[in-house]
Amino acid sequence: DEVQSVLRPKKEPPKKYAKKINPLKSMKAMALLNPHARQHKAAAKRALQDGTQENRDVQAKKKKRSEAAKAYNKKFKKGDETFYKTMMKAFETKPAKEEAEEAGEEADE
């Protein structure tokens, strides 16, 4: 009795918490956060499979985008008319023939 009155009460163990599941790895956890995740993942998978309508749509968009890029490059990025080449032309030395003509013009004056 005397000992029991001096003792402290029994400590309670700390609460156990559930381990957090990574939603990027667990589809079940992702579905709780984003209900549309399963359909979105299935659509992405179909887009990669050959022969599906989604895959044909993706390939058509890709082809259209590359053709637009080619047309743009053809229109605006022509060989010697690029910015760098235009700038470098200012630093090129003139051929001897042009220098001779300029020297002749200066002599005439």
N, C-alpha and C. Protein backbone atom coordinates (compact mmCIF):
# COMPACT_ATOMS: atom_id res chain seq x y z
N ASP A 1 0.82 -1.20 0.00
CA ASP A 1 0.00 0.00 0.00
C ASP A 1 0.87 1.26 0.00
N GLU A 2 1.85 1.28 0.87
CA GLU A 2 2.72 2.45 0.96
C GLU A 2 3.48 2.64 -0.36
N VAL A 3 3.93 1.55 -0.95
CA VAL A 3 4.68 1.62 -2.20
C VAL A 3 3.76 2.10 -3.32
N GLN A 4 2.56 1.58 -3.39
CA GLN A 4 1.62 1.95 -4.44
C GLN A 4 1.28 3.44 -4.37
N SER A 5 1.20 4.01 -3.22
CA SER A 5 0.85 5.43 -3.09
C SER A 5 1.99 6.33 -3.55
N VAL A 6 3.24 5.86 -3.48
CA VAL A 6 4.40 6.66 -3.88
C VAL A 6 4.64 6.58 -5.39
N LEU A 7 4.26 5.47 -6.02
CA LEU A 7 4.54 5.28 -7.45
C LEU A 7 3.76 6.27 -8.33
N ARG A 8 4.39 6.63 -9.43
CA ARG A 8 3.71 7.48 -10.42
C ARG A 8 2.72 6.63 -11.20
N PRO A 9 1.71 7.24 -11.82
CA PRO A 9 0.78 6.44 -12.65
C PRO A 9 1.50 5.92 -13.89
N LYS A 10 1.00 4.83 -14.44
CA LYS A 10 1.59 4.20 -15.62
C LYS A 10 1.51 5.14 -16.82
N LYS A 11 2.62 5.28 -17.55
CA LYS A 11 2.64 6.14 -18.73
C LYS A 11 1.91 5.45 -19.88
N GLU A 12 1.20 6.26 -20.67
CA GLU A 12 0.53 5.71 -21.85
C GLU A 12 1.52 5.74 -23.02
N PRO A 13 1.49 4.71 -23.86
CA PRO A 13 2.41 4.72 -25.01
C PRO A 13 1.99 5.81 -26.01
N PRO A 14 2.96 6.33 -26.77
CA PRO A 14 2.62 7.37 -27.75
C PRO A 14 1.68 6.80 -28.82
N LYS A 15 0.92 7.71 -29.44
CA LYS A 15 -0.03 7.29 -30.47
C LYS A 15 0.72 6.76 -31.70
N LYS A 16 0.18 5.73 -32.29
CA LYS A 16 0.76 5.18 -33.52
C LYS A 16 0.07 5.86 -34.70
N TYR A 17 0.87 6.44 -35.56
CA TYR A 17 0.34 7.08 -36.76
C TYR A 17 0.59 6.17 -37.96
N ALA A 18 -0.33 6.21 -38.91
CA ALA A 18 -0.16 5.41 -40.13
C ALA A 18 0.95 6.02 -40.97
N LYS A 19 1.71 5.18 -41.63
CA LYS A 19 2.79 5.65 -42.49
C LYS A 19 2.18 6.31 -43.72
N LYS A 20 2.70 7.48 -44.07
CA LYS A 20 2.19 8.22 -45.23
C LYS A 20 2.63 7.50 -46.52
N ILE A 21 1.67 7.32 -47.41
CA ILE A 21 1.95 6.64 -48.67
C ILE A 21 2.22 7.69 -49.75
N ASN A 22 3.24 7.46 -50.53
CA ASN A 22 3.60 8.39 -51.61
C ASN A 22 2.61 8.23 -52.76
N PRO A 23 1.84 9.28 -53.09
CA PRO A 23 0.85 9.17 -54.16
C PRO A 23 1.46 9.02 -55.55
N LEU A 24 2.73 9.38 -55.71
CA LEU A 24 3.37 9.21 -57.01
C LEU A 24 3.70 7.75 -57.28
N LYS A 25 3.83 6.97 -56.22
CA LYS A 25 4.13 5.56 -56.37
C LYS A 25 2.90 4.68 -56.21
N SER A 26 1.93 5.13 -55.42
CA SER A 26 0.74 4.33 -55.14
C SER A 26 -0.47 4.92 -55.84
N MET A 27 -1.05 4.15 -56.76
CA MET A 27 -2.22 4.63 -57.48
C MET A 27 -3.41 4.80 -56.55
N LYS A 28 -3.49 3.98 -55.53
CA LYS A 28 -4.60 4.06 -54.57
C LYS A 28 -4.55 5.41 -53.82
N ALA A 29 -3.35 5.80 -53.38
CA ALA A 29 -3.19 7.08 -52.69
C ALA A 29 -3.44 8.25 -53.64
N MET A 30 -3.01 8.13 -54.89
CA MET A 30 -3.23 9.18 -55.87
C MET A 30 -4.71 9.36 -56.15
N ALA A 31 -5.44 8.25 -56.21
CA ALA A 31 -6.88 8.32 -56.48
C ALA A 31 -7.62 9.04 -55.36
N LEU A 32 -7.13 8.96 -54.14
CA LEU A 32 -7.74 9.70 -53.04
C LEU A 32 -7.55 11.21 -53.21
N LEU A 33 -6.39 11.58 -53.71
CA LEU A 33 -6.10 13.00 -53.90
C LEU A 33 -6.73 13.54 -55.19
N ASN A 34 -6.69 12.74 -56.23
CA ASN A 34 -7.18 13.17 -57.55
C ASN A 34 -8.06 12.06 -58.13
N PRO A 35 -9.37 12.20 -58.05
CA PRO A 35 -10.25 11.13 -58.52
C PRO A 35 -10.10 10.79 -60.01
N HIS A 36 -9.62 11.73 -60.80
CA HIS A 36 -9.51 11.52 -62.24
C HIS A 36 -8.16 10.88 -62.63
N ALA A 37 -7.32 10.59 -61.65
CA ALA A 37 -5.96 10.12 -61.93
C ALA A 37 -5.95 8.80 -62.70
N ARG A 38 -6.85 7.88 -62.38
CA ARG A 38 -6.86 6.58 -63.06
C ARG A 38 -7.18 6.74 -64.54
N GLN A 39 -8.20 7.55 -64.85
CA GLN A 39 -8.56 7.77 -66.26
C GLN A 39 -7.43 8.48 -67.00
N HIS A 40 -6.80 9.43 -66.32
CA HIS A 40 -5.71 10.18 -66.95
C HIS A 40 -4.53 9.25 -67.27
N LYS A 41 -4.21 8.36 -66.34
CA LYS A 41 -3.10 7.43 -66.55
C LYS A 41 -3.43 6.44 -67.67
N ALA A 42 -4.69 5.99 -67.72
CA ALA A 42 -5.10 5.06 -68.78
C ALA A 42 -5.03 5.74 -70.14
N ALA A 43 -5.43 7.01 -70.22
CA ALA A 43 -5.39 7.75 -71.48
C ALA A 43 -3.94 7.94 -71.94
N ALA A 44 -3.05 8.22 -71.00
CA ALA A 44 -1.64 8.40 -71.34
C ALA A 44 -1.04 7.09 -71.85
N LYS A 45 -1.47 5.99 -71.25
CA LYS A 45 -0.98 4.68 -71.68
C LYS A 45 -1.47 4.36 -73.09
N ARG A 46 -2.74 4.69 -73.38
CA ARG A 46 -3.29 4.45 -74.72
C ARG A 46 -2.61 5.32 -75.76
N ALA A 47 -2.18 6.51 -75.37
CA ALA A 47 -1.52 7.42 -76.31
C ALA A 47 -0.18 6.85 -76.78
N LEU A 48 0.41 5.98 -75.97
CA LEU A 48 1.70 5.38 -76.33
C LEU A 48 1.54 4.07 -77.11
N GLN A 49 0.36 3.46 -77.06
CA GLN A 49 0.15 2.18 -77.75
C GLN A 49 -0.16 2.42 -79.22
N ASP A 50 0.54 1.71 -80.10
CA ASP A 50 0.29 1.84 -81.53
C ASP A 50 -1.09 1.28 -81.87
N GLY A 51 -1.76 1.92 -82.82
CA GLY A 51 -3.04 1.43 -83.29
C GLY A 51 -4.24 2.02 -82.57
N THR A 52 -4.04 2.80 -81.52
CA THR A 52 -5.18 3.40 -80.83
C THR A 52 -5.46 4.78 -81.40
N GLN A 53 -6.68 5.25 -81.20
CA GLN A 53 -7.06 6.56 -81.71
C GLN A 53 -6.25 7.67 -81.04
N GLU A 54 -6.00 7.53 -79.74
CA GLU A 54 -5.22 8.54 -79.02
C GLU A 54 -3.81 8.64 -79.60
N ASN A 55 -3.22 7.50 -79.95
CA ASN A 55 -1.88 7.49 -80.53
C ASN A 55 -1.88 8.18 -81.88
N ARG A 56 -2.90 7.93 -82.69
CA ARG A 56 -2.97 8.60 -84.00
C ARG A 56 -3.11 10.11 -83.82
N ASP A 57 -3.90 10.54 -82.82
CA ASP A 57 -4.04 11.97 -82.56
C ASP A 57 -2.72 12.60 -82.15
N VAL A 58 -1.99 11.91 -81.29
CA VAL A 58 -0.69 12.42 -80.83
C VAL A 58 0.28 12.53 -82.00
N GLN A 59 0.32 11.51 -82.84
CA GLN A 59 1.24 11.51 -83.99
C GLN A 59 0.86 12.61 -84.98
N ALA A 60 -0.45 12.84 -85.17
CA ALA A 60 -0.89 13.89 -86.08
C ALA A 60 -0.47 15.26 -85.55
N LYS A 61 -0.62 15.50 -84.24
CA LYS A 61 -0.21 16.77 -83.65
C LYS A 61 1.30 16.96 -83.79
N LYS A 62 2.04 15.88 -83.58
CA LYS A 62 3.49 15.94 -83.67
C LYS A 62 3.93 16.29 -85.08
N LYS A 63 3.29 15.66 -86.07
CA LYS A 63 3.63 15.91 -87.47
C LYS A 63 3.30 17.34 -87.85
N LYS A 64 2.13 17.82 -87.41
CA LYS A 64 1.72 19.18 -87.71
C LYS A 64 2.69 20.20 -87.10
N ARG A 65 3.13 19.94 -85.87
CA ARG A 65 4.05 20.84 -85.18
C ARG A 65 5.40 20.88 -85.89
N SER A 66 5.89 19.71 -86.34
CA SER A 66 7.19 19.68 -87.01
C SER A 66 7.12 20.36 -88.38
N GLU A 67 5.98 20.21 -89.08
CA GLU A 67 5.83 20.88 -90.38
C GLU A 67 5.78 22.39 -90.19
N ALA A 68 5.11 22.84 -89.13
CA ALA A 68 5.06 24.27 -88.87
C ALA A 68 6.45 24.81 -88.56
N ALA A 69 7.24 24.04 -87.81
CA ALA A 69 8.60 24.46 -87.48
C ALA A 69 9.47 24.52 -88.74
N LYS A 70 9.31 23.54 -89.62
CA LYS A 70 10.07 23.55 -90.87
C LYS A 70 9.70 24.75 -91.73
N ALA A 71 8.40 25.05 -91.81
CA ALA A 71 7.96 26.19 -92.60
C ALA A 71 8.52 27.49 -92.03
N TYR A 72 8.50 27.61 -90.72
CA TYR A 72 9.03 28.81 -90.07
C TYR A 72 10.51 28.96 -90.35
N ASN A 73 11.26 27.86 -90.19
CA ASN A 73 12.70 27.92 -90.43
C ASN A 73 13.02 28.24 -91.88
N LYS A 74 12.23 27.71 -92.79
CA LYS A 74 12.46 27.98 -94.20
C LYS A 74 12.20 29.45 -94.52
N LYS A 75 11.19 30.02 -93.87
CA LYS A 75 10.82 31.40 -94.14
C LYS A 75 11.78 32.40 -93.49
N PHE A 76 12.17 32.14 -92.24
CA PHE A 76 12.90 33.14 -91.48
C PHE A 76 14.38 32.85 -91.25
N LYS A 77 14.81 31.64 -91.46
CA LYS A 77 16.20 31.30 -91.14
C LYS A 77 16.92 30.81 -92.39
N LYS A 78 17.21 31.74 -93.28
CA LYS A 78 17.87 31.40 -94.53
C LYS A 78 19.37 31.55 -94.37
N GLY A 79 20.11 30.53 -94.77
CA GLY A 79 21.55 30.44 -94.72
C GLY A 79 22.36 31.65 -94.31
N ASP A 80 22.79 32.48 -95.29
CA ASP A 80 23.70 33.57 -95.00
C ASP A 80 23.01 34.74 -94.31
N GLU A 81 21.70 34.74 -94.28
CA GLU A 81 20.99 35.87 -93.71
C GLU A 81 20.73 35.72 -92.22
N THR A 82 21.34 34.73 -91.61
CA THR A 82 21.17 34.59 -90.17
C THR A 82 21.93 35.71 -89.47
N PHE A 83 21.54 36.01 -88.26
CA PHE A 83 22.11 37.14 -87.53
C PHE A 83 23.62 37.03 -87.39
N TYR A 84 24.09 35.87 -86.97
CA TYR A 84 25.52 35.71 -86.72
C TYR A 84 26.32 35.91 -88.01
N LYS A 85 25.86 35.32 -89.09
CA LYS A 85 26.61 35.44 -90.35
C LYS A 85 26.59 36.88 -90.85
N THR A 86 25.49 37.57 -90.66
CA THR A 86 25.41 38.96 -91.07
C THR A 86 26.39 39.81 -90.27
N MET A 87 26.47 39.55 -88.98
CA MET A 87 27.39 40.31 -88.14
C MET A 87 28.84 40.02 -88.51
N MET A 88 29.15 38.80 -88.84
CA MET A 88 30.52 38.43 -89.13
C MET A 88 30.98 38.97 -90.49
N LYS A 89 30.04 39.25 -91.38
CA LYS A 89 30.42 39.82 -92.68
C LYS A 89 31.08 41.18 -92.51
N ALA A 90 30.73 41.90 -91.45
CA ALA A 90 31.31 43.22 -91.20
C ALA A 90 32.80 43.12 -90.91
N PHE A 91 33.26 41.97 -90.43
CA PHE A 91 34.65 41.81 -90.05
C PHE A 91 35.49 41.10 -91.10
N GLU A 92 34.88 40.69 -92.21
CA GLU A 92 35.62 39.99 -93.25
C GLU A 92 36.49 40.98 -94.02
N THR A 93 37.63 40.51 -94.50
CA THR A 93 38.49 41.37 -95.31
C THR A 93 37.96 41.38 -96.73
N LYS A 94 38.11 42.49 -97.39
CA LYS A 94 37.62 42.61 -98.76
C LYS A 94 38.56 41.89 -99.72
N PRO A 95 38.03 41.30 -100.77
CA PRO A 95 38.90 40.68 -101.78
C PRO A 95 39.78 41.74 -102.46
N ALA A 96 40.88 41.32 -103.05
CA ALA A 96 41.85 42.24 -103.65
C ALA A 96 41.23 43.03 -104.81
N LYS A 97 40.32 42.42 -105.56
CA LYS A 97 39.70 43.09 -106.71
C LYS A 97 38.91 44.32 -106.25
N GLU A 98 38.12 44.17 -105.19
CA GLU A 98 37.33 45.30 -104.69
C GLU A 98 38.24 46.39 -104.14
N GLU A 99 39.33 46.00 -103.50
CA GLU A 99 40.27 46.98 -102.96
C GLU A 99 40.93 47.77 -104.10
N ALA A 100 41.22 47.09 -105.20
CA ALA A 100 41.85 47.77 -106.34
C ALA A 100 40.88 48.78 -106.95
N GLU A 101 39.59 48.40 -107.05
CA GLU A 101 38.60 49.32 -107.60
C GLU A 101 38.46 50.56 -106.71
N GLU A 102 38.44 50.35 -105.41
CA GLU A 102 38.32 51.48 -104.51
C GLU A 102 39.56 52.39 -104.60
N ALA A 103 40.71 51.79 -104.77
CA ALA A 103 41.95 52.57 -104.89
C ALA A 103 41.90 53.39 -106.19
N GLY A 104 41.33 52.79 -107.25
CA GLY A 104 41.23 53.49 -108.53
C GLY A 104 40.26 54.66 -108.44
N GLU A 105 39.17 54.48 -107.72
CA GLU A 105 38.20 55.56 -107.55
C GLU A 105 38.81 56.73 -106.78
N GLU A 106 39.62 56.41 -105.78
CA GLU A 106 40.26 57.46 -104.98
C GLU A 106 41.28 58.22 -105.81
N ALA A 107 41.94 57.53 -106.73
CA ALA A 107 42.95 58.19 -107.58
C ALA A 107 42.27 59.13 -108.58
N ASP A 108 41.07 58.78 -109.05
CA ASP A 108 40.35 59.62 -110.00
C ASP A 108 39.93 60.96 -109.38
N GLU A 109 39.69 60.95 -108.11
CA GLU A 109 39.22 62.18 -107.46
C GLU A 109 40.32 63.12 -107.20
